[in-house]
Amino acid sequence: MSTYVFGHTSPDSDSIIGAISLSYLKNQLGEECIPTRQGEISAETEFILNKFGGKVPELKTSVAGEKVYLIDFSDKAQAPKDIMEATILGIVDHHKLGDLTTDTPLECWIRPIGCSNTVVKEMYDHYGIEIPKDIAGMMMLAILSDTVIFKSPTCTKVDTKAVKELSKICEIEDYKQLAMEMFIAKSAVEGASARNLNTRDYKSFDMNGTKVGVGQLEMVDISVLDNRIDELFEDMKLMKEEDGLHTILILLTDIMKEGSTLLALSDDMSKVEKAFNIELKNNQAWLEGVLSRKKQIIPFLQPQF
């Protein structure tokens, strides 16, 4: 019986590539694992897969009765609805510990570093498993994506070391240039719907019984969205109603300016203003130096609830 490996809903590159890299490792260790995904891949992830000949993992949104490994999350709100009917064998992550619980002991690799694929790299090293050239390249770009080419405050020396070692395996010398090409692909918005933009990297959180959604769109130049802000807000209203959210935030992150425009809708906007010590104007604010949802948004927002 196969075991399924997957990341969070609205999967980003770390979740998709992590499912691939972790599945390969587990297969080498004698466990039959299949990489899967909970949602559609992004333009960035497509770029990574195409660059290194990777295959899109199969879509799987129901896991009742299955054995599973989770990567890049441990929050119930980011899992399949029937996750509590599955047997969770392990979690590989780099976020805060979520609210998922298990009935049996499990393998946990959770590290306060920049990317889940960096954790997977440590697992390969620990078990002495050689990383194939194609998987090394995909892991390298996933780490460069999550750490915003080492600019994110979540980035550690462990991440930079992993990228350098992976770049040698996949024989990519100028990995920063390749990462910029990846971010340019990620920044493409022509023809994309407001829902597509709002959910390219979107996560739901249960903050002490209150439902909160936080999305992030990382781009080389966010000014290309200036004429679509009203459209994004209209869709945020729909998402808030559809999911019964108290608060929804969308971060438009400019990797060159190294900051984010925050778009916010909430039943109590004062909670958002207090969290980031800001004054919202037209439900917007510029957050200087904010690149990381994990480290610069969630830890400040959650105490408000």
Protein backbone atom coordinates (compact mmCIF):
# COMPACT_ATOMS: atom_id res chain seq x y z
CA MET A 1 0.00 0.00 0.00
CA SER A 2 1.46 3.33 -1.08
CA THR A 3 1.97 6.28 1.23
CA TYR A 4 1.07 9.75 -0.06
CA VAL A 5 3.22 12.84 0.45
CA PHE A 6 1.78 16.33 0.07
CA GLY A 7 2.00 19.96 1.15
CA HIS A 8 -0.62 22.53 2.08
CA THR A 9 -3.65 23.72 0.11
CA SER A 10 -2.92 26.37 -2.57
CA PRO A 11 0.53 24.76 -2.82
CA ASP A 12 3.62 26.86 -3.40
CA SER A 13 6.89 25.60 -4.87
CA ASP A 14 8.21 24.41 -1.52
CA SER A 15 5.13 22.19 -1.05
CA ILE A 16 5.21 20.71 -4.55
CA ILE A 17 8.97 20.20 -4.80
CA GLY A 18 9.03 19.03 -1.18
CA ALA A 19 6.52 16.29 -1.99
CA ILE A 20 8.76 15.18 -4.86
CA SER A 21 12.05 15.33 -2.96
CA LEU A 22 10.70 13.69 0.20
CA SER A 23 8.98 10.92 -1.78
CA TYR A 24 12.20 10.07 -3.60
CA LEU A 25 14.10 9.93 -0.31
CA LYS A 26 11.50 7.69 1.32
CA ASN A 27 11.47 5.38 -1.71
CA GLN A 28 15.24 5.02 -1.44
CA LEU A 29 14.74 4.09 2.22
CA GLY A 30 12.31 1.31 1.27
CA GLU A 31 8.96 3.08 1.74
CA GLU A 32 6.68 3.22 -1.28
CA CYS A 33 5.72 6.89 -1.44
CA ILE A 34 3.86 8.90 -4.07
CA PRO A 35 4.17 12.71 -4.35
CA THR A 36 0.79 14.44 -4.54
CA ARG A 37 -0.71 17.93 -4.33
CA GLN A 38 -3.88 19.49 -2.95
CA GLY A 39 -4.30 22.17 -5.62
CA GLU A 40 -3.09 23.62 -8.90
CA ILE A 41 0.57 24.51 -9.35
CA SER A 42 1.74 28.09 -9.79
CA ALA A 43 3.58 29.62 -12.75
CA GLU A 44 6.71 29.62 -10.62
CA THR A 45 6.42 25.91 -9.84
CA GLU A 46 5.78 25.19 -13.52
CA PHE A 47 9.01 27.06 -14.33
CA ILE A 48 10.94 24.90 -11.85
CA LEU A 49 9.47 21.62 -13.10
CA ASN A 50 10.08 22.55 -16.75
CA LYS A 51 13.66 23.64 -16.04
CA PHE A 52 14.62 20.29 -14.50
CA GLY A 53 12.21 17.90 -16.21
CA GLY A 54 10.02 17.31 -13.18
CA LYS A 55 6.50 15.90 -13.36
CA VAL A 56 3.46 17.53 -11.78
CA PRO A 57 2.40 15.38 -8.78
CA GLU A 58 -1.05 13.86 -8.97
CA LEU A 59 -3.97 15.76 -7.44
CA LYS A 60 -5.30 14.18 -4.25
CA THR A 61 -7.74 15.97 -1.98
CA SER A 62 -9.13 13.05 0.03
CA VAL A 63 -6.91 10.91 2.27
CA ALA A 64 -9.30 8.98 4.53
CA GLY A 65 -7.84 5.57 5.32
CA GLU A 66 -4.46 6.43 3.76
CA LYS A 67 -0.97 6.69 5.20
CA VAL A 68 0.53 10.13 4.62
CA TYR A 69 3.55 12.35 5.13
CA LEU A 70 2.96 16.11 5.39
CA ILE A 71 5.46 18.67 4.19
CA ASP A 72 5.51 22.44 4.66
CA PHE A 73 2.57 22.58 7.08
CA SER A 74 1.05 21.14 10.25
CA ASP A 75 -2.16 23.18 10.45
CA LYS A 76 -5.49 21.38 10.09
CA ALA A 77 -6.90 24.33 8.11
CA GLN A 78 -4.30 23.69 5.38
CA ALA A 79 -4.96 19.94 5.13
CA PRO A 80 -7.57 17.82 3.33
CA LYS A 81 -10.91 17.93 5.15
CA ASP A 82 -10.62 14.24 6.05
CA ILE A 83 -7.04 14.43 7.35
CA MET A 84 -8.07 13.12 10.79
CA GLU A 85 -9.20 9.90 9.11
CA ALA A 86 -5.68 9.32 7.74
CA THR A 87 -2.59 7.95 9.48
CA ILE A 88 0.06 10.68 9.61
CA LEU A 89 3.45 8.96 9.51
CA GLY A 90 5.50 12.13 9.62
CA ILE A 91 5.77 15.89 9.24
CA VAL A 92 8.60 17.83 7.59
CA ASP A 93 8.21 21.58 8.05
CA HIS A 94 9.79 24.96 8.80
CA HIS A 95 6.76 26.79 10.24
CA LYS A 96 5.27 27.08 13.70
CA LEU A 97 3.78 23.88 15.06
CA GLY A 98 0.14 23.71 14.02
CA ASP A 99 -2.93 22.07 15.54
CA LEU A 100 -2.83 18.63 13.92
CA THR A 101 -2.69 15.71 16.33
CA THR A 102 -2.05 12.00 15.82
CA ASP A 103 -3.09 8.75 17.48
CA THR A 104 0.31 7.12 16.99
CA PRO A 105 3.96 8.24 17.23
CA LEU A 106 5.29 9.94 14.12
CA GLU A 107 8.52 11.12 12.53
CA CYS A 108 9.02 14.87 12.84
CA TRP A 109 11.63 17.04 11.18
CA ILE A 110 10.69 20.63 12.03
CA ARG A 111 13.40 23.28 11.87
CA PRO A 112 13.32 27.12 12.23
CA ILE A 113 14.94 27.71 8.84
CA GLY A 114 13.96 29.22 5.51
CA CYS A 115 12.50 26.32 3.56
CA SER A 116 11.13 22.80 3.97
CA ASN A 117 13.39 21.60 1.17
CA THR A 118 16.38 22.64 3.27
CA VAL A 119 15.06 20.28 5.94
CA VAL A 120 14.72 17.54 3.30
CA LYS A 121 18.32 18.22 2.23
CA GLU A 122 19.38 17.61 5.84
CA MET A 123 17.43 14.34 5.78
CA TYR A 124 19.27 13.19 2.64
CA ASP A 125 22.56 14.02 4.36
CA HIS A 126 21.51 12.23 7.54
CA TYR A 127 20.61 9.01 5.72
CA GLY A 128 23.50 9.21 3.27
CA ILE A 129 21.24 9.19 0.20
CA GLU A 130 22.54 10.73 -3.03
CA ILE A 131 20.33 13.44 -4.51
CA PRO A 132 19.66 13.08 -8.26
CA LYS A 133 20.66 16.03 -10.44
CA ASP A 134 17.07 16.94 -11.41
CA ILE A 135 15.74 16.81 -7.86
CA ALA A 136 18.72 18.81 -6.59
CA GLY A 137 17.94 21.56 -9.10
CA MET A 138 14.28 21.69 -8.11
CA MET A 139 15.14 21.75 -4.41
CA MET A 140 17.65 24.55 -5.00
CA LEU A 141 15.06 26.78 -6.68
CA ALA A 142 12.44 25.99 -4.04
CA ILE A 143 14.84 27.20 -1.36
CA LEU A 144 15.72 30.32 -3.36
CA SER A 145 11.99 31.00 -3.76
CA ASP A 146 11.12 30.60 -0.07
CA THR A 147 14.12 32.67 1.07
CA VAL A 148 13.54 35.31 -1.68
CA ILE A 149 17.08 34.72 -2.95
CA PHE A 150 18.41 34.92 0.63
CA LYS A 151 16.71 38.29 1.34
CA SER A 152 14.00 36.93 3.63
CA PRO A 153 14.54 37.24 7.41
CA THR A 154 13.72 33.53 7.58
CA CYS A 155 16.89 32.68 5.64
CA THR A 156 19.67 31.01 7.63
CA LYS A 157 23.21 29.84 6.95
CA VAL A 158 21.78 26.34 6.67
CA ASP A 159 19.69 27.47 3.68
CA THR A 160 22.56 29.20 1.89
CA LYS A 161 24.79 26.18 2.48
CA ALA A 162 22.11 23.87 1.08
CA VAL A 163 21.72 25.99 -2.06
CA LYS A 164 25.46 26.03 -2.71
CA GLU A 165 25.70 22.27 -2.30
CA LEU A 166 22.63 21.60 -4.45
CA SER A 167 23.91 23.95 -7.17
CA LYS A 168 27.02 21.81 -7.48
CA ILE A 169 24.95 18.66 -7.84
CA CYS A 170 22.70 20.15 -10.55
CA GLU A 171 25.64 21.97 -12.15
CA ILE A 172 24.09 25.45 -12.05
CA GLU A 173 26.81 28.00 -11.34
CA ASP A 174 24.82 31.25 -11.51
CA TYR A 175 21.90 30.14 -9.39
CA LYS A 176 20.90 33.71 -8.46
CA GLN A 177 20.38 34.61 -12.12
CA LEU A 178 18.25 31.51 -12.58
CA ALA A 179 16.27 32.47 -9.49
CA MET A 180 15.58 35.91 -10.95
CA GLU A 181 14.24 34.23 -14.10
CA MET A 182 12.01 32.17 -11.81
CA PHE A 183 10.69 35.28 -10.04
CA ILE A 184 10.02 36.97 -13.38
CA ALA A 185 7.93 33.94 -14.36
CA LYS A 186 6.21 34.15 -10.98
CA SER A 187 5.44 37.85 -11.57
CA ALA A 188 3.43 37.23 -14.74
CA VAL A 189 -0.09 38.56 -14.16
CA GLU A 190 -1.42 39.11 -17.68
CA GLY A 191 -4.61 37.13 -18.13
CA ALA A 192 -4.66 35.99 -14.49
CA SER A 193 -7.94 36.37 -12.60
CA ALA A 194 -8.16 38.17 -9.27
CA ARG A 195 -8.86 34.82 -7.59
CA ASN A 196 -5.75 33.34 -9.18
CA LEU A 197 -3.63 36.22 -7.89
CA ASN A 198 -5.13 36.17 -4.39
CA THR A 199 -4.66 32.43 -3.98
CA ARG A 200 -1.27 31.77 -5.63
CA ASP A 201 0.22 31.40 -2.16
CA TYR A 202 -2.70 31.51 0.25
CA LYS A 203 -3.08 29.88 3.65
CA SER A 204 -5.94 29.61 6.12
CA PHE A 205 -5.32 29.76 9.86
CA ASP A 206 -7.39 28.99 12.93
CA MET A 207 -6.29 31.69 15.36
CA ASN A 208 -7.76 30.67 18.71
CA GLY A 209 -11.08 29.76 17.12
CA THR A 210 -11.09 32.64 14.62
CA LYS A 211 -10.70 31.97 10.91
CA VAL A 212 -8.06 34.11 9.20
CA GLY A 213 -6.74 33.92 5.64
CA VAL A 214 -3.36 35.29 4.56
CA GLY A 215 -2.14 35.30 0.96
CA GLN A 216 1.13 36.49 -0.48
CA LEU A 217 2.06 37.41 -4.03
CA GLU A 218 5.81 37.87 -4.51
CA MET A 219 6.78 39.87 -7.58
CA VAL A 220 9.72 41.65 -9.14
CA ASP A 221 7.59 44.81 -9.47
CA ILE A 222 4.18 45.07 -7.79
CA SER A 223 3.37 48.35 -9.56
CA VAL A 224 1.96 46.29 -12.47
CA LEU A 225 -1.00 45.58 -10.16
CA ASP A 226 -1.77 49.24 -9.39
CA ASN A 227 -4.80 49.26 -11.68
CA ARG A 228 -6.12 45.96 -10.31
CA ILE A 229 -6.26 46.74 -6.58
CA ASP A 230 -10.04 47.31 -6.59
CA GLU A 231 -10.47 44.00 -8.40
CA LEU A 232 -8.35 42.21 -5.80
CA PHE A 233 -10.40 43.74 -2.98
CA GLU A 234 -13.69 42.65 -4.60
CA ASP A 235 -12.43 39.09 -4.76
CA MET A 236 -11.15 39.29 -1.18
CA LYS A 237 -14.71 40.20 -0.12
CA LEU A 238 -16.01 37.10 -1.88
CA MET A 239 -13.32 34.89 -0.29
CA LYS A 240 -14.16 36.31 3.13
CA GLU A 241 -17.84 35.47 2.69
CA GLU A 242 -17.27 32.06 1.11
CA ASP A 243 -14.90 30.86 3.83
CA GLY A 244 -16.53 32.61 6.78
CA LEU A 245 -13.34 34.52 7.57
CA HIS A 246 -13.00 37.14 10.28
CA THR A 247 -9.97 38.64 8.52
CA ILE A 248 -8.30 38.25 5.15
CA LEU A 249 -4.93 39.77 4.27
CA ILE A 250 -3.13 39.79 0.94
CA LEU A 251 0.54 40.76 0.82
CA LEU A 252 1.83 42.16 -2.46
CA THR A 253 5.55 41.66 -1.94
CA ASP A 254 8.08 43.55 -4.05
CA ILE A 255 11.34 41.59 -3.89
CA MET A 256 13.35 44.45 -5.39
CA LYS A 257 12.02 47.16 -3.05
CA GLU A 258 12.11 44.63 -0.18
CA GLY A 259 8.71 45.39 1.27
CA SER A 260 5.03 44.59 0.91
CA THR A 261 1.77 46.39 0.29
CA LEU A 262 -0.80 45.00 2.71
CA LEU A 263 -4.42 44.69 1.58
CA ALA A 264 -6.78 44.03 4.49
CA LEU A 265 -10.44 43.24 5.13
CA SER A 266 -11.59 42.43 8.65
CA ASP A 267 -14.55 42.45 10.99
CA ASP A 268 -12.27 44.45 13.29
CA MET A 269 -9.65 46.42 11.38
CA SER A 270 -8.12 47.65 14.63
CA LYS A 271 -6.68 44.17 15.17
CA VAL A 272 -4.73 44.47 11.92
CA GLU A 273 -3.53 48.00 12.74
CA LYS A 274 -2.43 46.96 16.24
CA ALA A 275 -0.66 43.86 14.95
CA PHE A 276 1.65 45.84 12.68
CA ASN A 277 1.53 49.24 14.39
CA ILE A 278 0.14 50.89 11.26
CA GLU A 279 -2.71 53.09 10.13
CA LEU A 280 -4.61 51.62 7.20
CA LYS A 281 -5.70 54.02 4.48
CA ASN A 282 -8.31 52.64 2.10
CA ASN A 283 -7.61 49.28 3.76
CA GLN A 284 -3.98 49.40 2.59
CA ALA A 285 -0.54 50.03 4.07
CA TRP A 286 3.09 49.71 2.95
CA LEU A 287 5.14 47.42 5.23
CA GLU A 288 8.79 48.31 4.82
CA GLY A 289 11.13 45.34 4.94
CA VAL A 290 8.32 42.78 5.24
CA LEU A 291 9.04 39.77 3.02
CA SER A 292 8.00 36.83 5.17
CA ARG A 293 4.45 35.83 6.09
CA LYS A 294 5.80 33.16 8.42
CA LYS A 295 8.10 35.40 10.46
CA GLN A 296 6.82 38.96 9.98
CA ILE A 297 3.03 38.55 9.70
CA ILE A 298 1.63 35.52 11.53
CA PRO A 299 3.56 35.95 14.83
CA PHE A 300 2.23 39.52 15.15
CA LEU A 301 -1.30 38.83 13.92
CA GLN A 302 -2.12 35.74 15.99
CA PRO A 303 -1.77 37.42 19.44
CA GLN A 304 -4.56 39.82 18.44
CA PHE A 305 -6.96 36.88 18.53
